[in-house]
Amino acid sequence: MGKTLDLGRRIELHSMDPCCHGISLALYRIEVACAPRFLVHTYSSMDGARERVAFIREALLVTLGMEVADAPPDSPMMLTHGWIQFPCRSDHLRALKRAFLDLCKLETGEKLATKPLTVFDKKANGEITAEGRGAGVYEMRAAAGAAPNRATAIARGFAKLCEMDLVETADQVIFPCGIAHDALVGMLMFRAQNVRSAMQEEEMTAARGILSAPSQQ
């Protein structure tokens, strides 16, 4: 009998994890009652694999503000343990996939905490704050003395990385779900500051394992 489980759709893969014997970790998605749920899973039986999966799952809960999903009634065993979801019951797929890959770079057992909404930005030569305005809206604000155009650039970075929408002013973005996600915004502040490198890394990750013609390599 094969070991493959019906875990829904695999939405992201972290192959050759250097923190755990080179195992592969995957993020799966299912939909229950029209709401998406996610699972970190590996088919590896190497020592430490189970602990590694548990750590990455906990990292998603802590650093992204996700929550444990209740098991639906009469669920198969494979759907009753380990599933997590966003409190808003939305996907936020691009942001989740980006964060998942970043969290897989952490060593098992590292201290986990939500990240601040204020960061120092080298290009602005000052601090940038993602200030919640309610209903899922965040305004990027440059501190006094910092280059104000960087607030606009970071807002556009969030629009690309999190599939958020630009609203009202060029410095504001909104989550389509209309719910605040402070932890998720804090987690991706660094990526939004360096959106070009983040997009290039995504393209490189997506191309892995794809056979390309010599002219395209």
N, C-alpha and C. Protein backbone atom coordinates (compact mmCIF):
# COMPACT_ATOMS: atom_id res chain seq x y z
N MET A 1 0.85 -1.20 0.00
CA MET A 1 0.00 0.00 0.00
C MET A 1 0.89 1.25 0.00
N GLY A 2 0.58 2.22 -0.86
CA GLY A 2 1.38 3.43 -0.94
C GLY A 2 1.21 4.30 0.30
N LYS A 3 2.17 5.16 0.51
CA LYS A 3 2.16 6.04 1.68
C LYS A 3 1.52 7.39 1.37
N THR A 4 1.22 7.67 0.11
CA THR A 4 0.68 8.97 -0.27
C THR A 4 -0.70 9.19 0.33
N LEU A 5 -0.90 10.35 0.93
CA LEU A 5 -2.17 10.70 1.54
C LEU A 5 -2.89 11.74 0.70
N ASP A 6 -4.20 11.75 0.80
CA ASP A 6 -4.99 12.76 0.11
C ASP A 6 -5.09 13.97 1.02
N LEU A 7 -4.16 14.88 0.85
CA LEU A 7 -4.08 16.06 1.73
C LEU A 7 -4.53 17.32 1.01
N GLY A 8 -5.19 17.18 -0.10
CA GLY A 8 -5.61 18.35 -0.85
C GLY A 8 -4.53 18.77 -1.83
N ARG A 9 -4.44 20.06 -2.10
CA ARG A 9 -3.49 20.58 -3.09
C ARG A 9 -2.21 21.06 -2.43
N ARG A 10 -1.09 20.63 -2.94
CA ARG A 10 0.18 21.14 -2.43
C ARG A 10 0.42 22.52 -3.03
N ILE A 11 0.58 23.52 -2.19
CA ILE A 11 0.72 24.88 -2.69
C ILE A 11 2.15 25.40 -2.61
N GLU A 12 3.00 24.74 -1.81
CA GLU A 12 4.40 25.16 -1.73
C GLU A 12 5.25 24.00 -1.28
N LEU A 13 6.51 23.99 -1.74
CA LEU A 13 7.44 22.92 -1.39
C LEU A 13 8.79 23.51 -1.01
N HIS A 14 9.30 23.09 0.13
CA HIS A 14 10.66 23.43 0.55
C HIS A 14 11.47 22.14 0.47
N SER A 15 12.27 22.01 -0.58
CA SER A 15 13.02 20.77 -0.79
C SER A 15 14.40 20.87 -0.17
N MET A 16 14.93 19.73 0.22
CA MET A 16 16.29 19.64 0.75
C MET A 16 16.50 20.59 1.93
N ASP A 17 15.70 20.42 2.97
CA ASP A 17 15.79 21.28 4.15
C ASP A 17 17.14 21.08 4.84
N PRO A 18 18.01 22.08 4.84
CA PRO A 18 19.33 21.92 5.46
C PRO A 18 19.28 21.83 6.98
N CYS A 19 18.14 22.17 7.56
CA CYS A 19 18.01 22.13 9.01
C CYS A 19 17.57 20.76 9.52
N CYS A 20 17.24 19.84 8.59
CA CYS A 20 16.77 18.51 9.02
C CYS A 20 17.07 17.45 7.96
N HIS A 21 18.33 17.09 7.83
CA HIS A 21 18.75 15.96 6.99
C HIS A 21 18.35 16.09 5.52
N GLY A 22 18.07 17.29 5.06
CA GLY A 22 17.70 17.47 3.66
C GLY A 22 16.32 16.96 3.30
N ILE A 23 15.42 16.84 4.27
CA ILE A 23 14.08 16.36 3.97
C ILE A 23 13.30 17.43 3.21
N SER A 24 12.19 17.05 2.60
CA SER A 24 11.31 17.99 1.92
C SER A 24 10.10 18.28 2.81
N LEU A 25 9.76 19.55 2.90
CA LEU A 25 8.59 19.99 3.65
C LEU A 25 7.61 20.63 2.68
N ALA A 26 6.34 20.30 2.82
CA ALA A 26 5.34 20.84 1.91
C ALA A 26 4.20 21.48 2.68
N LEU A 27 3.56 22.43 2.02
CA LEU A 27 2.39 23.11 2.58
C LEU A 27 1.19 22.74 1.71
N TYR A 28 0.15 22.18 2.34
CA TYR A 28 -1.03 21.71 1.63
C TYR A 28 -2.25 22.57 1.97
N ARG A 29 -3.20 22.56 1.05
CA ARG A 29 -4.44 23.34 1.24
C ARG A 29 -5.65 22.48 0.94
N ILE A 30 -6.65 22.57 1.82
CA ILE A 30 -7.97 22.00 1.55
C ILE A 30 -9.00 23.07 1.84
N GLU A 31 -10.23 22.81 1.49
CA GLU A 31 -11.31 23.75 1.77
C GLU A 31 -12.41 23.01 2.53
N VAL A 32 -12.79 23.55 3.66
CA VAL A 32 -13.84 22.97 4.50
C VAL A 32 -14.88 24.05 4.77
N ALA A 33 -16.11 23.78 4.41
CA ALA A 33 -17.19 24.76 4.58
C ALA A 33 -16.81 26.09 3.94
N CYS A 34 -16.24 26.02 2.74
CA CYS A 34 -15.87 27.19 1.94
C CYS A 34 -14.74 28.01 2.55
N ALA A 35 -14.02 27.45 3.53
CA ALA A 35 -12.90 28.15 4.15
C ALA A 35 -11.63 27.33 3.97
N PRO A 36 -10.52 27.97 3.56
CA PRO A 36 -9.27 27.24 3.34
C PRO A 36 -8.57 26.87 4.64
N ARG A 37 -7.95 25.69 4.64
CA ARG A 37 -7.14 25.22 5.75
C ARG A 37 -5.81 24.73 5.20
N PHE A 38 -4.79 24.79 6.05
CA PHE A 38 -3.44 24.50 5.57
C PHE A 38 -2.74 23.52 6.51
N LEU A 39 -1.83 22.73 5.93
CA LEU A 39 -1.12 21.71 6.69
C LEU A 39 0.34 21.65 6.26
N VAL A 40 1.24 21.64 7.24
CA VAL A 40 2.66 21.39 6.98
C VAL A 40 2.87 19.89 7.09
N HIS A 41 3.52 19.30 6.08
CA HIS A 41 3.66 17.83 6.08
C HIS A 41 4.96 17.41 5.42
N THR A 42 5.49 16.29 5.87
CA THR A 42 6.60 15.64 5.19
C THR A 42 6.34 14.14 5.19
N TYR A 43 6.79 13.49 4.13
CA TYR A 43 6.67 12.03 4.07
C TYR A 43 7.93 11.35 4.62
N SER A 44 8.89 12.16 5.04
CA SER A 44 10.13 11.61 5.54
C SER A 44 9.94 10.97 6.92
N SER A 45 10.68 9.88 7.15
CA SER A 45 10.67 9.24 8.47
C SER A 45 12.02 9.41 9.16
N MET A 46 12.82 10.35 8.68
CA MET A 46 14.13 10.61 9.28
C MET A 46 13.97 11.10 10.71
N ASP A 47 14.99 10.87 11.52
CA ASP A 47 14.98 11.37 12.89
C ASP A 47 14.84 12.89 12.88
N GLY A 48 13.93 13.38 13.68
CA GLY A 48 13.72 14.82 13.78
C GLY A 48 12.70 15.38 12.81
N ALA A 49 12.21 14.57 11.85
CA ALA A 49 11.28 15.07 10.85
C ALA A 49 9.96 15.51 11.49
N ARG A 50 9.45 14.71 12.41
CA ARG A 50 8.19 15.06 13.06
C ARG A 50 8.33 16.35 13.87
N GLU A 51 9.46 16.49 14.56
CA GLU A 51 9.70 17.71 15.34
C GLU A 51 9.86 18.92 14.42
N ARG A 52 10.46 18.69 13.26
CA ARG A 52 10.64 19.78 12.31
C ARG A 52 9.30 20.29 11.79
N VAL A 53 8.41 19.38 11.45
CA VAL A 53 7.07 19.75 10.99
C VAL A 53 6.33 20.52 12.08
N ALA A 54 6.42 20.04 13.30
CA ALA A 54 5.73 20.69 14.42
C ALA A 54 6.27 22.10 14.63
N PHE A 55 7.58 22.28 14.47
CA PHE A 55 8.17 23.60 14.65
C PHE A 55 7.71 24.58 13.58
N ILE A 56 7.71 24.15 12.32
CA ILE A 56 7.28 25.05 11.24
C ILE A 56 5.80 25.40 11.39
N ARG A 57 5.01 24.43 11.80
CA ARG A 57 3.59 24.70 12.05
C ARG A 57 3.43 25.74 13.15
N GLU A 58 4.18 25.57 14.24
CA GLU A 58 4.11 26.52 15.35
C GLU A 58 4.59 27.90 14.89
N ALA A 59 5.60 27.93 14.02
CA ALA A 59 6.10 29.20 13.51
C ALA A 59 5.02 29.94 12.72
N LEU A 60 4.25 29.21 11.94
CA LEU A 60 3.15 29.83 11.19
C LEU A 60 2.08 30.38 12.14
N LEU A 61 1.79 29.64 13.18
CA LEU A 61 0.79 30.10 14.15
C LEU A 61 1.25 31.36 14.87
N VAL A 62 2.50 31.37 15.30
CA VAL A 62 3.01 32.48 16.11
C VAL A 62 3.32 33.71 15.27
N THR A 63 4.08 33.53 14.20
CA THR A 63 4.57 34.69 13.46
C THR A 63 3.58 35.26 12.45
N LEU A 64 2.57 34.48 12.04
CA LEU A 64 1.59 34.98 11.08
C LEU A 64 0.22 35.23 11.72
N GLY A 65 0.07 34.87 12.99
CA GLY A 65 -1.22 35.07 13.63
C GLY A 65 -2.28 34.10 13.16
N MET A 66 -1.87 32.92 12.68
CA MET A 66 -2.83 31.90 12.27
C MET A 66 -3.37 31.19 13.50
N GLU A 67 -4.35 30.32 13.31
CA GLU A 67 -4.97 29.61 14.43
C GLU A 67 -5.23 28.16 14.06
N VAL A 68 -5.38 27.33 15.09
CA VAL A 68 -5.67 25.91 14.87
C VAL A 68 -7.08 25.77 14.34
N ALA A 69 -7.23 24.94 13.31
CA ALA A 69 -8.55 24.71 12.72
C ALA A 69 -9.23 23.53 13.42
N ASP A 70 -10.46 23.71 13.84
CA ASP A 70 -11.23 22.63 14.46
C ASP A 70 -11.50 21.53 13.43
N ALA A 71 -11.49 20.30 13.90
CA ALA A 71 -11.78 19.18 13.00
C ALA A 71 -13.26 19.17 12.63
N PRO A 72 -13.59 19.12 11.35
CA PRO A 72 -15.00 19.04 10.96
C PRO A 72 -15.60 17.71 11.37
N PRO A 73 -16.90 17.65 11.58
CA PRO A 73 -17.55 16.40 12.01
C PRO A 73 -17.30 15.26 11.03
N ASP A 74 -17.09 14.06 11.58
CA ASP A 74 -16.92 12.85 10.76
C ASP A 74 -15.78 12.96 9.75
N SER A 75 -14.72 13.69 10.12
CA SER A 75 -13.58 13.84 9.21
C SER A 75 -12.73 12.57 9.20
N PRO A 76 -12.12 12.26 8.04
CA PRO A 76 -11.12 11.19 8.02
C PRO A 76 -9.97 11.57 8.94
N MET A 77 -9.26 10.59 9.47
CA MET A 77 -8.18 10.85 10.42
C MET A 77 -7.18 11.86 9.88
N MET A 78 -6.88 11.80 8.55
CA MET A 78 -5.87 12.67 7.97
C MET A 78 -6.29 14.15 7.99
N LEU A 79 -7.58 14.42 8.23
CA LEU A 79 -8.05 15.80 8.21
C LEU A 79 -8.36 16.32 9.62
N THR A 80 -7.99 15.59 10.65
CA THR A 80 -8.36 16.00 12.00
C THR A 80 -7.20 16.58 12.81
N HIS A 81 -5.98 16.45 12.34
CA HIS A 81 -4.84 16.90 13.12
C HIS A 81 -3.92 17.80 12.32
N GLY A 82 -3.49 18.86 12.94
CA GLY A 82 -2.44 19.69 12.36
C GLY A 82 -2.86 20.80 11.44
N TRP A 83 -4.13 20.86 11.07
CA TRP A 83 -4.57 21.89 10.12
C TRP A 83 -4.68 23.24 10.80
N ILE A 84 -4.30 24.30 10.09
CA ILE A 84 -4.37 25.66 10.62
C ILE A 84 -5.05 26.56 9.59
N GLN A 85 -5.43 27.75 10.02
CA GLN A 85 -6.15 28.66 9.13
C GLN A 85 -5.93 30.09 9.59
N PHE A 86 -6.25 31.04 8.71
CA PHE A 86 -6.26 32.44 9.08
C PHE A 86 -7.57 32.75 9.80
N PRO A 87 -7.55 33.61 10.81
CA PRO A 87 -8.79 33.94 11.52
C PRO A 87 -9.88 34.49 10.62
N CYS A 88 -9.49 35.12 9.51
CA CYS A 88 -10.47 35.71 8.59
C CYS A 88 -11.06 34.67 7.64
N ARG A 89 -10.52 33.43 7.68
CA ARG A 89 -10.97 32.33 6.81
C ARG A 89 -10.73 32.63 5.32
N SER A 90 -9.70 33.42 5.06
CA SER A 90 -9.31 33.70 3.67
C SER A 90 -8.00 32.99 3.35
N ASP A 91 -7.58 33.05 2.09
CA ASP A 91 -6.38 32.36 1.64
C ASP A 91 -5.09 33.11 1.96
N HIS A 92 -4.97 34.33 1.45
CA HIS A 92 -3.72 35.09 1.51
C HIS A 92 -2.56 34.21 1.04
N LEU A 93 -2.80 33.50 -0.07
CA LEU A 93 -1.88 32.47 -0.53
C LEU A 93 -0.48 32.96 -0.81
N ARG A 94 -0.36 34.05 -1.53
CA ARG A 94 0.99 34.50 -1.90
C ARG A 94 1.79 34.87 -0.66
N ALA A 95 1.16 35.57 0.27
CA ALA A 95 1.85 35.96 1.50
C ALA A 95 2.20 34.73 2.33
N LEU A 96 1.29 33.77 2.40
CA LEU A 96 1.52 32.56 3.17
C LEU A 96 2.67 31.75 2.60
N LYS A 97 2.71 31.58 1.29
CA LYS A 97 3.77 30.82 0.66
C LYS A 97 5.13 31.48 0.87
N ARG A 98 5.17 32.80 0.75
CA ARG A 98 6.42 33.53 0.96
C ARG A 98 6.90 33.35 2.39
N ALA A 99 5.98 33.50 3.36
CA ALA A 99 6.35 33.37 4.76
C ALA A 99 6.77 31.95 5.10
N PHE A 100 6.09 30.96 4.52
CA PHE A 100 6.43 29.56 4.76
C PHE A 100 7.88 29.28 4.37
N LEU A 101 8.30 29.73 3.20
CA LEU A 101 9.66 29.50 2.75
C LEU A 101 10.67 30.22 3.64
N ASP A 102 10.34 31.41 4.10
CA ASP A 102 11.24 32.14 5.00
C ASP A 102 11.35 31.44 6.35
N LEU A 103 10.24 30.94 6.86
CA LEU A 103 10.26 30.27 8.16
C LEU A 103 11.01 28.95 8.10
N CYS A 104 11.03 28.32 6.93
CA CYS A 104 11.77 27.07 6.78
C CYS A 104 13.28 27.28 6.88
N LYS A 105 13.73 28.53 6.88
CA LYS A 105 15.15 28.82 7.03
C LYS A 105 15.57 28.85 8.50
N LEU A 106 14.59 28.84 9.41
CA LEU A 106 14.89 28.86 10.83
C LEU A 106 15.31 27.48 11.32
N GLU A 107 16.21 27.45 12.27
CA GLU A 107 16.59 26.20 12.91
C GLU A 107 15.46 25.77 13.86
N THR A 108 15.22 24.47 13.91
CA THR A 108 14.22 23.95 14.84
C THR A 108 14.58 24.36 16.26
N GLY A 109 13.60 24.90 16.97
CA GLY A 109 13.82 25.31 18.34
C GLY A 109 14.15 26.78 18.52
N GLU A 110 14.35 27.51 17.40
CA GLU A 110 14.61 28.95 17.54
C GLU A 110 13.42 29.64 18.18
N LYS A 111 13.71 30.71 18.91
CA LYS A 111 12.65 31.46 19.58
C LYS A 111 11.74 32.11 18.55
N LEU A 112 10.45 31.99 18.75
CA LEU A 112 9.46 32.53 17.81
C LEU A 112 8.73 33.72 18.44
N ALA A 113 8.50 34.73 17.65
CA ALA A 113 7.78 35.91 18.13
C ALA A 113 7.27 36.69 16.93
N THR A 114 6.21 37.44 17.13
CA THR A 114 5.72 38.31 16.07
C THR A 114 6.71 39.44 15.87
N LYS A 115 6.79 39.93 14.66
CA LYS A 115 7.74 41.00 14.34
C LYS A 115 7.05 42.36 14.44
N PRO A 116 7.81 43.41 14.73
CA PRO A 116 7.24 44.75 14.88
C PRO A 116 6.77 45.33 13.56
N LEU A 117 5.90 46.31 13.65
CA LEU A 117 5.38 46.99 12.47
C LEU A 117 6.21 48.21 12.11
N THR A 118 7.26 48.46 12.86
CA THR A 118 8.17 49.56 12.57
C THR A 118 9.57 49.00 12.33
N VAL A 119 10.18 49.36 11.20
CA VAL A 119 11.51 48.87 10.86
C VAL A 119 12.36 50.03 10.38
N PHE A 120 13.66 49.88 10.53
CA PHE A 120 14.57 50.87 9.97
C PHE A 120 14.80 50.54 8.50
N ASP A 121 14.66 51.54 7.66
CA ASP A 121 14.82 51.34 6.22
C ASP A 121 16.07 52.10 5.76
N LYS A 122 17.05 51.37 5.23
CA LYS A 122 18.31 51.98 4.82
C LYS A 122 18.12 53.01 3.72
N LYS A 123 17.26 52.68 2.76
CA LYS A 123 17.06 53.60 1.64
C LYS A 123 16.36 54.88 2.08
N ALA A 124 15.53 54.78 3.10
CA ALA A 124 14.85 55.96 3.61
C ALA A 124 15.71 56.69 4.63
N ASN A 125 16.75 56.01 5.14
CA ASN A 125 17.58 56.53 6.21
C ASN A 125 16.74 56.93 7.41
N GLY A 126 15.78 56.05 7.73
CA GLY A 126 14.89 56.30 8.85
C GLY A 126 13.91 55.16 9.02
N GLU A 127 13.03 55.30 9.98
CA GLU A 127 12.07 54.23 10.26
C GLU A 127 10.81 54.37 9.42
N ILE A 128 10.26 53.21 9.04
CA ILE A 128 8.98 53.13 8.33
C ILE A 128 8.04 52.31 9.20
N THR A 129 6.82 52.79 9.37
CA THR A 129 5.82 52.10 10.19
C THR A 129 4.61 51.74 9.34
N ALA A 130 4.16 50.50 9.51
CA ALA A 130 2.90 50.08 8.90
C ALA A 130 1.81 50.30 9.94
N GLU A 131 1.03 51.33 9.77
CA GLU A 131 0.04 51.73 10.77
C GLU A 131 -1.36 51.26 10.36
N GLY A 132 -1.97 50.42 11.20
CA GLY A 132 -3.31 49.94 10.91
C GLY A 132 -4.34 51.04 10.96
N ARG A 133 -5.21 51.09 9.96
CA ARG A 133 -6.27 52.11 9.90
C ARG A 133 -7.65 51.51 10.05
N GLY A 134 -7.70 50.19 10.33
CA GLY A 134 -8.99 49.52 10.48
C GLY A 134 -9.46 48.92 9.17
N ALA A 135 -10.31 47.90 9.28
CA ALA A 135 -10.91 47.23 8.11
C ALA A 135 -9.86 46.69 7.15
N GLY A 136 -8.71 46.26 7.68
CA GLY A 136 -7.69 45.67 6.84
C GLY A 136 -6.81 46.64 6.10
N VAL A 137 -6.92 47.94 6.42
CA VAL A 137 -6.13 48.98 5.76
C VAL A 137 -4.87 49.26 6.57
N TYR A 138 -3.73 49.37 5.87
CA TYR A 138 -2.46 49.74 6.50
C TYR A 138 -1.85 50.91 5.73
N GLU A 139 -1.39 51.89 6.48
CA GLU A 139 -0.73 53.05 5.88
C GLU A 139 0.75 53.02 6.24
N MET A 140 1.60 53.13 5.23
CA MET A 140 3.04 53.17 5.46
C MET A 140 3.44 54.61 5.75
N ARG A 141 4.05 54.83 6.90
CA ARG A 141 4.40 56.17 7.33
C ARG A 141 5.90 56.26 7.59
N ALA A 142 6.54 57.25 6.98
CA ALA A 142 7.97 57.48 7.18
C ALA A 142 8.16 58.42 8.36
N ALA A 143 9.11 58.09 9.23
CA ALA A 143 9.40 58.94 10.38
C ALA A 143 9.97 60.28 9.91
N ALA A 144 9.93 61.27 10.78
CA ALA A 144 10.47 62.58 10.46
C ALA A 144 11.93 62.45 10.05
N GLY A 145 12.27 63.03 8.92
CA GLY A 145 13.64 62.97 8.43
C GLY A 145 13.89 61.84 7.46
N ALA A 146 12.99 60.87 7.40
CA ALA A 146 13.14 59.75 6.47
C ALA A 146 12.57 60.12 5.11
N ALA A 147 13.12 59.52 4.07
CA ALA A 147 12.64 59.80 2.72
C ALA A 147 11.20 59.34 2.56
N PRO A 148 10.24 60.25 2.32
CA PRO A 148 8.82 59.87 2.25
C PRO A 148 8.46 58.97 1.09
N ASN A 149 9.22 59.01 0.00
CA ASN A 149 8.89 58.18 -1.16
C ASN A 149 9.06 56.69 -0.87
N ARG A 150 9.82 56.36 0.17
CA ARG A 150 10.01 54.95 0.52
C ARG A 150 8.73 54.35 1.08
N ALA A 151 7.90 55.18 1.73
CA ALA A 151 6.62 54.67 2.23
C ALA A 151 5.76 54.19 1.07
N THR A 152 5.76 54.94 -0.01
CA THR A 152 5.01 54.55 -1.21
C THR A 152 5.58 53.27 -1.81
N ALA A 153 6.91 53.17 -1.87
CA ALA A 153 7.55 51.99 -2.45
C ALA A 153 7.23 50.74 -1.64
N ILE A 154 7.23 50.86 -0.31
CA ILE A 154 6.95 49.71 0.54
C ILE A 154 5.47 49.31 0.44
N ALA A 155 4.59 50.29 0.32
CA ALA A 155 3.17 49.98 0.13
C ALA A 155 2.98 49.18 -1.16
N ARG A 156 3.68 49.58 -2.21
CA ARG A 156 3.60 48.84 -3.48
C ARG A 156 4.20 47.45 -3.32
N GLY A 157 5.23 47.35 -2.48
CA GLY A 157 5.82 46.04 -2.21
C GLY A 157 4.82 45.10 -1.56
N PHE A 158 4.06 45.61 -0.60
CA PHE A 158 3.03 44.80 0.04
C PHE A 158 1.94 44.41 -0.96
N ALA A 159 1.60 45.33 -1.85
CA ALA A 159 0.58 45.03 -2.85
C ALA A 159 0.98 43.83 -3.70
N LYS A 160 2.27 43.73 -4.02
CA LYS A 160 2.76 42.63 -4.84
C LYS A 160 2.91 41.34 -4.03
N LEU A 161 3.52 41.45 -2.85
CA LEU A 161 3.82 40.25 -2.06
C LEU A 161 2.61 39.63 -1.40
N CYS A 162 1.65 40.46 -1.00
CA CYS A 162 0.49 39.98 -0.25
C CYS A 162 -0.80 40.03 -1.04
N GLU A 163 -0.70 40.40 -2.31
CA GLU A 163 -1.90 40.55 -3.14
C GLU A 163 -2.91 41.47 -2.47
N MET A 164 -2.38 42.56 -1.91
CA MET A 164 -3.22 43.59 -1.32
C MET A 164 -3.54 44.63 -2.39
N ASP A 165 -4.50 45.49 -2.10
CA ASP A 165 -4.90 46.53 -3.04
C ASP A 165 -4.44 47.89 -2.53
N LEU A 166 -4.00 48.74 -3.46
CA LEU A 166 -3.67 50.13 -3.11
C LEU A 166 -4.97 50.90 -2.99
N VAL A 167 -5.10 51.70 -1.95
CA VAL A 167 -6.34 52.45 -1.73
C VAL A 167 -6.07 53.89 -1.34
N GLU A 168 -7.01 54.75 -1.70
CA GLU A 168 -7.04 56.17 -1.32
C GLU A 168 -5.75 56.92 -1.65
N THR A 169 -4.70 56.64 -0.91
CA THR A 169 -3.43 57.29 -1.19
C THR A 169 -2.42 56.23 -1.60
N ALA A 170 -1.32 56.68 -2.20
CA ALA A 170 -0.30 55.74 -2.68
C ALA A 170 0.41 55.03 -1.53
N ASP A 171 0.20 55.51 -0.30
CA ASP A 171 0.89 54.92 0.85
C ASP A 171 0.03 53.92 1.61
N GLN A 172 -1.18 53.63 1.13
CA GLN A 172 -2.10 52.74 1.83
C GLN A 172 -2.39 51.49 1.01
N VAL A 173 -2.50 50.36 1.73
CA VAL A 173 -2.89 49.10 1.12
C VAL A 173 -3.94 48.44 2.00
N ILE A 174 -4.72 47.55 1.39
CA ILE A 174 -5.80 46.90 2.14
C ILE A 174 -5.84 45.41 1.83
N PHE A 175 -6.07 44.61 2.85
CA PHE A 175 -6.31 43.18 2.65
C PHE A 175 -7.72 43.02 2.09
N PRO A 176 -7.90 42.23 1.03
CA PRO A 176 -9.23 42.04 0.44
C PRO A 176 -10.26 41.51 1.44
N CYS A 177 -9.80 40.76 2.47
CA CYS A 177 -10.73 40.22 3.45
C CYS A 177 -11.29 41.29 4.38
N GLY A 178 -10.67 42.47 4.42
CA GLY A 178 -11.13 43.55 5.28
C GLY A 178 -10.81 43.37 6.75
N ILE A 179 -9.87 42.47 7.06
CA ILE A 179 -9.49 42.17 8.44
C ILE A 179 -8.02 42.52 8.65
N ALA A 180 -7.68 43.00 9.84
CA ALA A 180 -6.29 43.33 10.16
C ALA A 180 -5.46 42.06 10.30
N HIS A 181 -4.22 42.14 9.83
CA HIS A 181 -3.27 41.03 9.96
C HIS A 181 -1.91 41.59 10.37
N ASP A 182 -1.83 42.10 11.58
CA ASP A 182 -0.60 42.75 12.05
C ASP A 182 0.60 41.81 11.99
N ALA A 183 0.41 40.57 12.45
CA ALA A 183 1.53 39.63 12.49
C ALA A 183 2.05 39.34 11.08
N LEU A 184 1.15 39.15 10.14
CA LEU A 184 1.54 38.87 8.76
C LEU A 184 2.28 40.06 8.15
N VAL A 185 1.79 41.27 8.41
CA VAL A 185 2.45 42.47 7.90
C VAL A 185 3.84 42.61 8.51
N GLY A 186 3.95 42.39 9.82
CA GLY A 186 5.26 42.47 10.45
C GLY A 186 6.23 41.45 9.89
N MET A 187 5.74 40.24 9.64
CA MET A 187 6.59 39.17 9.11
C MET A 187 7.15 39.53 7.75
N LEU A 188 6.38 40.25 6.92
CA LEU A 188 6.79 40.52 5.55
C LEU A 188 7.30 41.94 5.33
N MET A 189 7.49 42.71 6.40
CA MET A 189 8.00 44.07 6.25
C MET A 189 9.35 44.07 5.55
N PHE A 190 10.23 43.16 5.96
CA PHE A 190 11.56 43.12 5.34
C PHE A 190 11.44 42.79 3.86
N ARG A 191 10.57 41.85 3.51
CA ARG A 191 10.39 41.48 2.12
C ARG A 191 9.81 42.63 1.30
N ALA A 192 8.89 43.38 1.89
CA ALA A 192 8.30 44.52 1.19
C ALA A 192 9.34 45.62 0.95
N GLN A 193 10.32 45.72 1.84
CA GLN A 193 11.40 46.67 1.65
C GLN A 193 12.30 46.28 0.48
N ASN A 194 12.38 44.99 0.23
CA ASN A 194 13.26 44.46 -0.81
C ASN A 194 12.46 43.62 -1.79
N VAL A 195 11.39 44.19 -2.32
CA VAL A 195 10.44 43.42 -3.10
C VAL A 195 11.06 42.86 -4.38
N ARG A 196 12.00 43.57 -4.98
CA ARG A 196 12.61 43.08 -6.21
C ARG A 196 13.35 41.77 -5.97
N SER A 197 14.14 41.71 -4.91
CA SER A 197 14.87 40.48 -4.61
C SER A 197 13.91 39.37 -4.20
N ALA A 198 12.82 39.72 -3.52
CA ALA A 198 11.83 38.72 -3.13
C ALA A 198 11.16 38.11 -4.35
N MET A 199 10.84 38.94 -5.33
CA MET A 199 10.21 38.44 -6.55
C MET A 199 11.17 37.56 -7.34
N GLN A 200 12.45 37.95 -7.38
CA GLN A 200 13.44 37.13 -8.09
C GLN A 200 13.60 35.78 -7.41
N GLU A 201 13.58 35.77 -6.08
CA GLU A 201 13.70 34.51 -5.35
C GLU A 201 12.50 33.62 -5.62
N GLU A 202 11.30 34.21 -5.71
CA GLU A 202 10.11 33.44 -6.01
C GLU A 202 10.23 32.79 -7.40
N GLU A 203 10.73 33.54 -8.37
CA GLU A 203 10.87 33.02 -9.72
C GLU A 203 11.87 31.86 -9.75
N MET A 204 12.96 31.99 -9.00
CA MET A 204 13.96 30.92 -8.95
C MET A 204 13.38 29.67 -8.29
N THR A 205 12.60 29.85 -7.23
CA THR A 205 11.99 28.72 -6.54
C THR A 205 10.99 28.01 -7.45
N ALA A 206 10.20 28.80 -8.18
CA ALA A 206 9.18 28.21 -9.06
C ALA A 206 9.82 27.45 -10.22
N ALA A 207 11.02 27.84 -10.61
CA ALA A 207 11.68 27.21 -11.75
C ALA A 207 12.40 25.91 -11.40
N ARG A 208 12.56 25.63 -10.13
CA ARG A 208 13.28 24.43 -9.72
C ARG A 208 12.53 23.18 -10.18
N GLY A 209 13.25 22.28 -10.76
CA GLY A 209 12.65 21.02 -11.19
C GLY A 209 11.97 21.10 -12.54
N ILE A 210 12.00 22.28 -13.18
CA ILE A 210 11.38 22.43 -14.49
C ILE A 210 12.46 22.34 -15.56
N LEU A 211 12.26 21.46 -16.55
CA LEU A 211 13.23 21.29 -17.62
C LEU A 211 13.04 22.41 -18.64
N SER A 212 14.10 23.19 -18.83
CA SER A 212 14.03 24.32 -19.75
C SER A 212 14.96 24.09 -20.92
N ALA A 213 14.62 24.72 -22.05
CA ALA A 213 15.51 24.66 -23.19
C ALA A 213 16.79 25.42 -22.87
N PRO A 214 17.94 25.03 -23.51
CA PRO A 214 19.20 25.71 -23.22
C PRO A 214 19.12 27.22 -23.36
N SER A 215 18.37 27.70 -24.34
CA SER A 215 18.26 29.14 -24.56
C SER A 215 17.54 29.85 -23.44
N GLN A 216 16.79 29.09 -22.61
CA GLN A 216 16.01 29.70 -21.53
C GLN A 216 16.70 29.56 -20.19
N GLN A 217 17.82 28.86 -20.13
CA GLN A 217 18.50 28.62 -18.88
C GLN A 217 19.47 29.75 -18.56
